[in-house]
Amino acid sequence: MSAAPTPAGAALQSRVERELLGGDPIVRAVAAAALGRWQGQEKPRGDALARRVALLLEVLDADAYPAVRTGAWRSLKALLDDGAPARLAHFDPTAAPAWRRQFVASLRRDLAGLALPSLDAQAVQQLRATANQQAIEIGE
């Protein structure tokens, strides 16, 4: 008897994470904004902070919509606050994919002290494929 197949994105930890990568553009923008907020007085730290940063960097690099990338950029600035690399201020959400990829690689190097986790590439790819099927016009 074989095991039941796991749904796309099951390796990602929360609904917000799955929506960030696999929802329609509006859902992805809301999820990106949600990752930059926290309840209570204390910001996420340690592994929780590193996970959020890794997810938001993925969005800066690869999301197809500038509005979603803008939300992720704002969330990163809020999460990192004074600890944000200076170059983060220069992110351009409308830049070409090659520029964004290089920019995000530089940010990852700058943020190496956070011990950013690796995201499950297969889960990310599956969710991105779902997101691409749900493309809508948001007037950018």
C-alpha atoms as a PDB file:
ATOM      1  CA  MET A   1       0.000   0.000   0.000  1.00  0.00           C
ATOM      2  CA  SER A   2       1.529   3.335  -1.018  1.00  0.00           C
ATOM      3  CA  ALA A   3       1.398   6.508   1.012  1.00  0.00           C
ATOM      4  CA  ALA A   4      -1.040   9.214  -0.005  1.00  0.00           C
ATOM      5  CA  PRO A   5       0.588  11.959  -2.055  1.00  0.00           C
ATOM      6  CA  THR A   6       1.385  15.102  -0.146  1.00  0.00           C
ATOM      7  CA  PRO A   7      -0.340  18.258  -1.326  1.00  0.00           C
ATOM      8  CA  ALA A   8       1.706  20.979  -2.979  1.00  0.00           C
ATOM      9  CA  GLY A   9       3.403  23.045  -0.332  1.00  0.00           C
ATOM     10  CA  ALA A  10       2.924  20.572   2.504  1.00  0.00           C
ATOM     11  CA  ALA A  11       6.591  21.064   3.371  1.00  0.00           C
ATOM     12  CA  LEU A  12       5.891  24.726   4.069  1.00  0.00           C
ATOM     13  CA  GLN A  13       4.873  25.375   7.632  1.00  0.00           C
ATOM     14  CA  SER A  14       1.833  27.597   7.573  1.00  0.00           C
ATOM     15  CA  ARG A  15      -1.122  28.670   5.520  1.00  0.00           C
ATOM     16  CA  VAL A  16       0.432  32.141   5.154  1.00  0.00           C
ATOM     17  CA  GLU A  17       3.586  30.567   3.696  1.00  0.00           C
ATOM     18  CA  ARG A  18       1.566  28.515   1.223  1.00  0.00           C
ATOM     19  CA  GLU A  19      -0.535  31.541   0.231  1.00  0.00           C
ATOM     20  CA  LEU A  20       2.576  33.698  -0.135  1.00  0.00           C
ATOM     21  CA  LEU A  21       3.877  31.417  -2.878  1.00  0.00           C
ATOM     22  CA  GLY A  22       0.745  29.766  -4.285  1.00  0.00           C
ATOM     23  CA  GLY A  23      -2.163  32.173  -4.007  1.00  0.00           C
ATOM     24  CA  ASP A  24      -3.448  34.594  -6.588  1.00  0.00           C
ATOM     25  CA  PRO A  25      -1.608  37.942  -6.672  1.00  0.00           C
ATOM     26  CA  ILE A  26      -3.924  39.617  -4.166  1.00  0.00           C
ATOM     27  CA  VAL A  27      -3.621  36.745  -1.692  1.00  0.00           C
ATOM     28  CA  ARG A  28       0.171  36.758  -2.139  1.00  0.00           C
ATOM     29  CA  ALA A  29       0.314  40.514  -1.466  1.00  0.00           C
ATOM     30  CA  VAL A  30      -1.752  40.097   1.716  1.00  0.00           C
ATOM     31  CA  ALA A  31       0.444  37.201   2.860  1.00  0.00           C
ATOM     32  CA  ALA A  32       3.602  39.253   2.225  1.00  0.00           C
ATOM     33  CA  ALA A  33       2.185  42.069   4.342  1.00  0.00           C
ATOM     34  CA  ALA A  34       1.186  39.623   7.091  1.00  0.00           C
ATOM     35  CA  LEU A  35       4.743  38.325   7.397  1.00  0.00           C
ATOM     36  CA  GLY A  36       5.894  41.852   8.243  1.00  0.00           C
ATOM     37  CA  ARG A  37       3.521  42.126  11.181  1.00  0.00           C
ATOM     38  CA  TRP A  38       3.517  40.441  14.552  1.00  0.00           C
ATOM     39  CA  GLN A  39       1.200  40.266  17.532  1.00  0.00           C
ATOM     40  CA  GLY A  40       2.172  41.699  20.862  1.00  0.00           C
ATOM     41  CA  GLN A  41       5.175  43.810  21.692  1.00  0.00           C
ATOM     42  CA  GLU A  42       7.982  41.565  20.550  1.00  0.00           C
ATOM     43  CA  LYS A  43       9.194  41.067  16.986  1.00  0.00           C
ATOM     44  CA  PRO A  44       9.952  37.560  15.748  1.00  0.00           C
ATOM     45  CA  ARG A  45      13.497  36.493  16.583  1.00  0.00           C
ATOM     46  CA  GLY A  46      15.790  33.571  15.932  1.00  0.00           C
ATOM     47  CA  ASP A  47      14.386  30.828  13.717  1.00  0.00           C
ATOM     48  CA  ALA A  48      11.003  32.553  13.313  1.00  0.00           C
ATOM     49  CA  LEU A  49      12.652  35.725  12.021  1.00  0.00           C
ATOM     50  CA  ALA A  50      15.020  33.795   9.749  1.00  0.00           C
ATOM     51  CA  ARG A  51      12.111  31.827   8.240  1.00  0.00           C
ATOM     52  CA  ARG A  52      10.111  34.972   7.486  1.00  0.00           C
ATOM     53  CA  VAL A  53      13.138  36.661   5.950  1.00  0.00           C
ATOM     54  CA  ALA A  54      13.891  33.618   3.772  1.00  0.00           C
ATOM     55  CA  LEU A  55      10.312  33.546   2.493  1.00  0.00           C
ATOM     56  CA  LEU A  56      10.241  37.268   1.772  1.00  0.00           C
ATOM     57  CA  LEU A  57      13.560  37.079  -0.068  1.00  0.00           C
ATOM     58  CA  GLU A  58      12.078  34.331  -2.246  1.00  0.00           C
ATOM     59  CA  VAL A  59       9.260  36.722  -3.142  1.00  0.00           C
ATOM     60  CA  LEU A  60      11.647  39.601  -3.927  1.00  0.00           C
ATOM     61  CA  ASP A  61      13.538  37.281  -6.230  1.00  0.00           C
ATOM     62  CA  ALA A  62      10.842  35.367  -8.031  1.00  0.00           C
ATOM     63  CA  ASP A  63       7.297  36.689  -7.692  1.00  0.00           C
ATOM     64  CA  ALA A  64       5.849  37.762 -11.030  1.00  0.00           C
ATOM     65  CA  TYR A  65       4.007  40.808  -9.672  1.00  0.00           C
ATOM     66  CA  PRO A  66       5.720  44.069  -8.630  1.00  0.00           C
ATOM     67  CA  ALA A  67       2.914  44.766  -6.126  1.00  0.00           C
ATOM     68  CA  VAL A  68       3.617  41.492  -4.320  1.00  0.00           C
ATOM     69  CA  ARG A  69       7.365  42.200  -4.363  1.00  0.00           C
ATOM     70  CA  THR A  70       6.695  45.669  -2.937  1.00  0.00           C
ATOM     71  CA  GLY A  71       4.730  44.174  -0.036  1.00  0.00           C
ATOM     72  CA  ALA A  72       7.527  41.715   0.657  1.00  0.00           C
ATOM     73  CA  TRP A  73      10.098  44.530   0.571  1.00  0.00           C
ATOM     74  CA  ARG A  74       8.107  46.595   3.078  1.00  0.00           C
ATOM     75  CA  SER A  75       7.743  43.578   5.347  1.00  0.00           C
ATOM     76  CA  LEU A  76      11.480  42.905   5.213  1.00  0.00           C
ATOM     77  CA  LYS A  77      12.208  46.505   6.174  1.00  0.00           C
ATOM     78  CA  ALA A  78       9.786  46.244   9.117  1.00  0.00           C
ATOM     79  CA  LEU A  79      11.192  42.919  10.326  1.00  0.00           C
ATOM     80  CA  LEU A  80      14.846  43.859  10.000  1.00  0.00           C
ATOM     81  CA  ASP A  81      14.449  47.502  11.072  1.00  0.00           C
ATOM     82  CA  ASP A  82      17.860  48.800  12.188  1.00  0.00           C
ATOM     83  CA  GLY A  83      19.489  45.485  11.279  1.00  0.00           C
ATOM     84  CA  ALA A  84      18.551  45.771   7.609  1.00  0.00           C
ATOM     85  CA  PRO A  85      21.446  45.918   5.163  1.00  0.00           C
ATOM     86  CA  ALA A  86      21.763  49.415   3.684  1.00  0.00           C
ATOM     87  CA  ARG A  87      21.272  48.015   0.181  1.00  0.00           C
ATOM     88  CA  LEU A  88      17.707  46.936   1.052  1.00  0.00           C
ATOM     89  CA  ALA A  89      16.627  50.576   0.650  1.00  0.00           C
ATOM     90  CA  HIS A  90      17.593  50.367  -3.030  1.00  0.00           C
ATOM     91  CA  PHE A  91      15.388  47.426  -4.022  1.00  0.00           C
ATOM     92  CA  ASP A  92      13.431  48.056  -7.211  1.00  0.00           C
ATOM     93  CA  PRO A  93      10.278  45.907  -7.418  1.00  0.00           C
ATOM     94  CA  THR A  94       9.981  46.648 -11.147  1.00  0.00           C
ATOM     95  CA  ALA A  95      13.538  45.564 -11.983  1.00  0.00           C
ATOM     96  CA  ALA A  96      14.290  42.750 -14.410  1.00  0.00           C
ATOM     97  CA  PRO A  97      14.485  39.207 -13.005  1.00  0.00           C
ATOM     98  CA  ALA A  98      18.278  38.986 -13.475  1.00  0.00           C
ATOM     99  CA  TRP A  99      18.830  42.178 -11.473  1.00  0.00           C
ATOM    100  CA  ARG A 100      16.499  40.992  -8.705  1.00  0.00           C
ATOM    101  CA  ARG A 101      18.229  37.609  -8.529  1.00  0.00           C
ATOM    102  CA  GLN A 102      21.620  39.283  -8.115  1.00  0.00           C
ATOM    103  CA  PHE A 103      20.246  41.793  -5.604  1.00  0.00           C
ATOM    104  CA  VAL A 104      18.648  39.061  -3.474  1.00  0.00           C
ATOM    105  CA  ALA A 105      21.857  36.995  -3.595  1.00  0.00           C
ATOM    106  CA  SER A 106      23.687  40.033  -2.184  1.00  0.00           C
ATOM    107  CA  LEU A 107      21.064  40.425   0.538  1.00  0.00           C
ATOM    108  CA  ARG A 108      21.401  36.757   1.466  1.00  0.00           C
ATOM    109  CA  ARG A 109      25.146  37.248   1.895  1.00  0.00           C
ATOM    110  CA  ASP A 110      24.543  40.368   3.993  1.00  0.00           C
ATOM    111  CA  LEU A 111      22.085  38.451   6.174  1.00  0.00           C
ATOM    112  CA  ALA A 112      24.211  35.318   6.622  1.00  0.00           C
ATOM    113  CA  GLY A 113      24.262  35.944  10.382  1.00  0.00           C
ATOM    114  CA  LEU A 114      20.551  35.123  10.552  1.00  0.00           C
ATOM    115  CA  ALA A 115      21.213  31.525   9.437  1.00  0.00           C
ATOM    116  CA  LEU A 116      18.468  31.691   6.812  1.00  0.00           C
ATOM    117  CA  PRO A 117      16.836  28.310   6.241  1.00  0.00           C
ATOM    118  CA  SER A 118      16.635  26.705   2.826  1.00  0.00           C
ATOM    119  CA  LEU A 119      13.118  26.469   1.499  1.00  0.00           C
ATOM    120  CA  ASP A 120      11.921  23.197   0.012  1.00  0.00           C
ATOM    121  CA  ALA A 121      12.596  23.912  -3.677  1.00  0.00           C
ATOM    122  CA  GLN A 122      10.091  21.314  -4.880  1.00  0.00           C
ATOM    123  CA  ALA A 123       7.305  22.728  -2.700  1.00  0.00           C
ATOM    124  CA  VAL A 124       8.121  26.271  -3.827  1.00  0.00           C
ATOM    125  CA  GLN A 125       8.078  25.193  -7.479  1.00  0.00           C
ATOM    126  CA  GLN A 126       4.730  23.397  -7.073  1.00  0.00           C
ATOM    127  CA  LEU A 127       3.171  26.401  -5.376  1.00  0.00           C
ATOM    128  CA  ARG A 128       4.567  28.798  -7.977  1.00  0.00           C
ATOM    129  CA  ALA A 129       3.002  26.640 -10.716  1.00  0.00           C
ATOM    130  CA  THR A 130      -0.369  26.919  -8.951  1.00  0.00           C
ATOM    131  CA  ALA A 131       0.060  30.684  -8.600  1.00  0.00           C
ATOM    132  CA  ASN A 132       0.858  31.023 -12.287  1.00  0.00           C
ATOM    133  CA  GLN A 133      -2.423  29.286 -13.137  1.00  0.00           C
ATOM    134  CA  GLN A 134      -4.327  31.823 -11.045  1.00  0.00           C
ATOM    135  CA  ALA A 135      -2.971  34.951 -12.714  1.00  0.00           C
ATOM    136  CA  ILE A 136      -5.275  37.971 -12.569  1.00  0.00           C
ATOM    137  CA  GLU A 137      -4.968  41.604 -13.620  1.00  0.00           C
ATOM    138  CA  ILE A 138      -4.363  43.941 -10.659  1.00  0.00           C
ATOM    139  CA  GLY A 139      -3.758  47.103 -12.662  1.00  0.00           C
ATOM    140  CA  GLU A 140      -0.007  47.541 -12.356  1.00  0.00           C
END
